[in-house]
């Protein structure tokens, strides 16, 4: 049952990731990999909010944690894509954009997790 729950969450996360990437591509044509940035930061927020909420504030069945945290967020977020896009930026000479991507992603991702935790604990 646990494997099925993770698979369902992963399928939903993959579809959400694709949808966000398509949506961002409609509005952003710049060199900065904004879709991956938005996905990773929003995924950080989701995980930061959901995990303490599920563990500390609710009596959710542990299967929900597998569905959301492991399945959905695990598939939705895109660390390998983030790394590949950053490497591609350095190959094209866009080193400052690559650095901005790394620094911005780490800082914004951490801030999103913190915000999620704070909101979940209120």
C-alpha atoms as a PDB file:
ATOM      1  CA  UNK A   1       0.000   0.000   0.000  1.00  0.00           C
ATOM      2  CA  UNK A   2       2.810   2.431   0.841  1.00  0.00           C
ATOM      3  CA  UNK A   3       4.372   2.013  -2.606  1.00  0.00           C
ATOM      4  CA  UNK A   4       1.032   2.732  -4.284  1.00  0.00           C
ATOM      5  CA  UNK A   5       0.542   5.867  -2.189  1.00  0.00           C
ATOM      6  CA  UNK A   6       4.037   7.147  -3.050  1.00  0.00           C
ATOM      7  CA  UNK A   7       3.412   6.365  -6.740  1.00  0.00           C
ATOM      8  CA  UNK A   8       0.121   8.280  -6.749  1.00  0.00           C
ATOM      9  CA  UNK A   9       1.768  11.261  -5.059  1.00  0.00           C
ATOM     10  CA  UNK A  10       4.655  11.070  -7.523  1.00  0.00           C
ATOM     11  CA  UNK A  11       2.305  11.035 -10.500  1.00  0.00           C
ATOM     12  CA  UNK A  12       0.473  14.080  -9.157  1.00  0.00           C
ATOM     13  CA  UNK A  13       3.788  15.838  -8.482  1.00  0.00           C
ATOM     14  CA  UNK A  14       5.022  15.139 -12.019  1.00  0.00           C
ATOM     15  CA  UNK A  15       1.842  16.550 -13.542  1.00  0.00           C
ATOM     16  CA  UNK A  16       2.022  19.617 -11.278  1.00  0.00           C
ATOM     17  CA  UNK A  17       5.666  20.159 -12.199  1.00  0.00           C
ATOM     18  CA  UNK A  18       4.835  20.010 -15.898  1.00  0.00           C
ATOM     19  CA  UNK A  19       1.884  22.368 -15.435  1.00  0.00           C
ATOM     20  CA  UNK A  20       3.933  24.962 -13.565  1.00  0.00           C
ATOM     21  CA  UNK A  21       6.719  24.755 -16.153  1.00  0.00           C
ATOM     22  CA  UNK A  22       4.232  25.305 -19.000  1.00  0.00           C
ATOM     23  CA  UNK A  23       2.581  28.197 -17.160  1.00  0.00           C
ATOM     24  CA  UNK A  24       5.877  29.938 -16.392  1.00  0.00           C
ATOM     25  CA  UNK A  25       7.046  29.457 -20.001  1.00  0.00           C
ATOM     26  CA  UNK A  26       4.008  31.436 -21.178  1.00  0.00           C
ATOM     27  CA  UNK A  27       5.205  34.499 -19.280  1.00  0.00           C
ATOM     28  CA  UNK A  28       8.994  34.109 -19.085  1.00  0.00           C
ATOM     29  CA  UNK A  29      11.405  33.949 -21.979  1.00  0.00           C
ATOM     30  CA  UNK A  30      14.546  35.031 -20.134  1.00  0.00           C
ATOM     31  CA  UNK A  31      17.766  33.124 -19.716  1.00  0.00           C
ATOM     32  CA  UNK A  32      17.261  32.549 -15.981  1.00  0.00           C
ATOM     33  CA  UNK A  33      15.597  29.139 -15.378  1.00  0.00           C
ATOM     34  CA  UNK A  34      12.556  30.646 -13.672  1.00  0.00           C
ATOM     35  CA  UNK A  35      10.290  27.603 -13.957  1.00  0.00           C
ATOM     36  CA  UNK A  36      12.711  25.385 -12.045  1.00  0.00           C
ATOM     37  CA  UNK A  37      13.255  28.159  -9.509  1.00  0.00           C
ATOM     38  CA  UNK A  38       9.506  28.576  -8.926  1.00  0.00           C
ATOM     39  CA  UNK A  39       8.991  24.819  -8.675  1.00  0.00           C
ATOM     40  CA  UNK A  40      11.820  24.297  -6.192  1.00  0.00           C
ATOM     41  CA  UNK A  41      10.870  27.267  -3.990  1.00  0.00           C
ATOM     42  CA  UNK A  42       7.175  26.379  -3.960  1.00  0.00           C
ATOM     43  CA  UNK A  43       8.057  22.734  -3.269  1.00  0.00           C
ATOM     44  CA  UNK A  44      10.207  23.875  -0.362  1.00  0.00           C
ATOM     45  CA  UNK A  45       7.265  25.829   0.999  1.00  0.00           C
ATOM     46  CA  UNK A  46       4.894  22.874   0.588  1.00  0.00           C
ATOM     47  CA  UNK A  47       7.273  20.539   2.414  1.00  0.00           C
ATOM     48  CA  UNK A  48       8.019  23.134   5.097  1.00  0.00           C
ATOM     49  CA  UNK A  49       4.322  23.681   5.735  1.00  0.00           C
ATOM     50  CA  UNK A  50       2.997  20.160   5.346  1.00  0.00           C
ATOM     51  CA  UNK A  51       5.522  18.216   7.411  1.00  0.00           C
ATOM     52  CA  UNK A  52       5.183  20.054  10.736  1.00  0.00           C
ATOM     53  CA  UNK A  53       1.435  20.431  10.176  1.00  0.00           C
ATOM     54  CA  UNK A  54       1.029  16.698   9.573  1.00  0.00           C
ATOM     55  CA  UNK A  55       3.276  15.674  12.463  1.00  0.00           C
ATOM     56  CA  UNK A  56       2.551  18.319  15.099  1.00  0.00           C
ATOM     57  CA  UNK A  57      -0.921  19.715  14.442  1.00  0.00           C
ATOM     58  CA  UNK A  58      -3.026  16.977  12.975  1.00  0.00           C
ATOM     59  CA  UNK A  59      -3.746  13.335  13.285  1.00  0.00           C
ATOM     60  CA  UNK A  60      -3.245  12.602   9.613  1.00  0.00           C
ATOM     61  CA  UNK A  61      -2.650   9.018   8.687  1.00  0.00           C
ATOM     62  CA  UNK A  62       1.089   8.466   7.972  1.00  0.00           C
ATOM     63  CA  UNK A  63       0.106   7.491   4.436  1.00  0.00           C
ATOM     64  CA  UNK A  64      -0.693  11.147   3.784  1.00  0.00           C
ATOM     65  CA  UNK A  65       2.882  12.044   4.636  1.00  0.00           C
ATOM     66  CA  UNK A  66       4.084   9.474   2.122  1.00  0.00           C
ATOM     67  CA  UNK A  67       1.666  10.781  -0.495  1.00  0.00           C
ATOM     68  CA  UNK A  68       2.509  14.470  -0.083  1.00  0.00           C
ATOM     69  CA  UNK A  69       6.075  14.701   1.253  1.00  0.00           C
ATOM     70  CA  UNK A  70       7.681  11.677  -0.408  1.00  0.00           C
ATOM     71  CA  UNK A  71       5.549  11.193  -3.508  1.00  0.00           C
ATOM     72  CA  UNK A  72       4.248  14.602  -4.547  1.00  0.00           C
ATOM     73  CA  UNK A  73       7.062  16.901  -3.389  1.00  0.00           C
ATOM     74  CA  UNK A  74       9.715  14.335  -4.244  1.00  0.00           C
ATOM     75  CA  UNK A  75       8.597  14.261  -7.864  1.00  0.00           C
ATOM     76  CA  UNK A  76       7.536  17.897  -8.086  1.00  0.00           C
ATOM     77  CA  UNK A  77      10.855  19.414  -7.085  1.00  0.00           C
ATOM     78  CA  UNK A  78      13.727  19.313  -9.507  1.00  0.00           C
ATOM     79  CA  UNK A  79      17.206  19.259  -8.036  1.00  0.00           C
ATOM     80  CA  UNK A  80      18.759  17.479 -11.012  1.00  0.00           C
ATOM     81  CA  UNK A  81      17.141  19.928 -13.436  1.00  0.00           C
ATOM     82  CA  UNK A  82      18.382  22.805 -11.295  1.00  0.00           C
ATOM     83  CA  UNK A  83      21.926  21.431 -11.473  1.00  0.00           C
ATOM     84  CA  UNK A  84      21.777  20.788 -15.215  1.00  0.00           C
ATOM     85  CA  UNK A  85      20.396  24.234 -16.023  1.00  0.00           C
ATOM     86  CA  UNK A  86      23.042  25.861 -13.843  1.00  0.00           C
ATOM     87  CA  UNK A  87      25.786  23.915 -15.618  1.00  0.00           C
ATOM     88  CA  UNK A  88      24.317  24.867 -19.010  1.00  0.00           C
ATOM     89  CA  UNK A  89      24.408  28.540 -18.023  1.00  0.00           C
ATOM     90  CA  UNK A  90      28.108  28.286 -17.207  1.00  0.00           C
ATOM     91  CA  UNK A  91      28.775  26.662 -20.593  1.00  0.00           C
ATOM     92  CA  UNK A  92      27.192  29.593 -22.406  1.00  0.00           C
ATOM     93  CA  UNK A  93      29.211  32.103 -20.401  1.00  0.00           C
ATOM     94  CA  UNK A  94      26.269  33.229 -18.265  1.00  0.00           C
ATOM     95  CA  UNK A  95      28.256  32.681 -15.084  1.00  0.00           C
ATOM     96  CA  UNK A  96      26.609  35.468 -13.118  1.00  0.00           C
ATOM     97  CA  UNK A  97      23.145  34.142 -13.942  1.00  0.00           C
ATOM     98  CA  UNK A  98      24.324  30.670 -12.857  1.00  0.00           C
ATOM     99  CA  UNK A  99      25.582  32.090  -9.563  1.00  0.00           C
ATOM    100  CA  UNK A 100      22.329  34.011  -9.092  1.00  0.00           C
ATOM    101  CA  UNK A 101      20.438  30.783  -9.713  1.00  0.00           C
ATOM    102  CA  UNK A 102      22.418  28.861  -7.084  1.00  0.00           C
ATOM    103  CA  UNK A 103      22.416  31.590  -4.444  1.00  0.00           C
ATOM    104  CA  UNK A 104      18.832  32.646  -5.104  1.00  0.00           C
ATOM    105  CA  UNK A 105      17.533  29.079  -5.095  1.00  0.00           C
ATOM    106  CA  UNK A 106      19.227  28.218  -1.810  1.00  0.00           C
ATOM    107  CA  UNK A 107      18.165  31.414  -0.060  1.00  0.00           C
ATOM    108  CA  UNK A 108      14.614  31.483  -1.428  1.00  0.00           C
ATOM    109  CA  UNK A 109      14.175  27.749  -0.838  1.00  0.00           C
ATOM    110  CA  UNK A 110      15.310  28.037   2.763  1.00  0.00           C
ATOM    111  CA  UNK A 111      13.090  31.080   3.306  1.00  0.00           C
ATOM    112  CA  UNK A 112      10.135  29.186   1.819  1.00  0.00           C
ATOM    113  CA  UNK A 113      10.705  26.215   4.133  1.00  0.00           C
ATOM    114  CA  UNK A 114      10.953  28.550   7.132  1.00  0.00           C
ATOM    115  CA  UNK A 115       7.778  30.380   6.124  1.00  0.00           C
ATOM    116  CA  UNK A 116       5.949  27.086   5.704  1.00  0.00           C
ATOM    117  CA  UNK A 117       7.066  25.845   9.127  1.00  0.00           C
ATOM    118  CA  UNK A 118       6.086  29.117  10.793  1.00  0.00           C
ATOM    119  CA  UNK A 119       2.642  29.118   9.177  1.00  0.00           C
ATOM    120  CA  UNK A 120       2.043  25.446   9.963  1.00  0.00           C
ATOM    121  CA  UNK A 121       2.877  25.968  13.627  1.00  0.00           C
ATOM    122  CA  UNK A 122       0.500  28.898  14.113  1.00  0.00           C
END
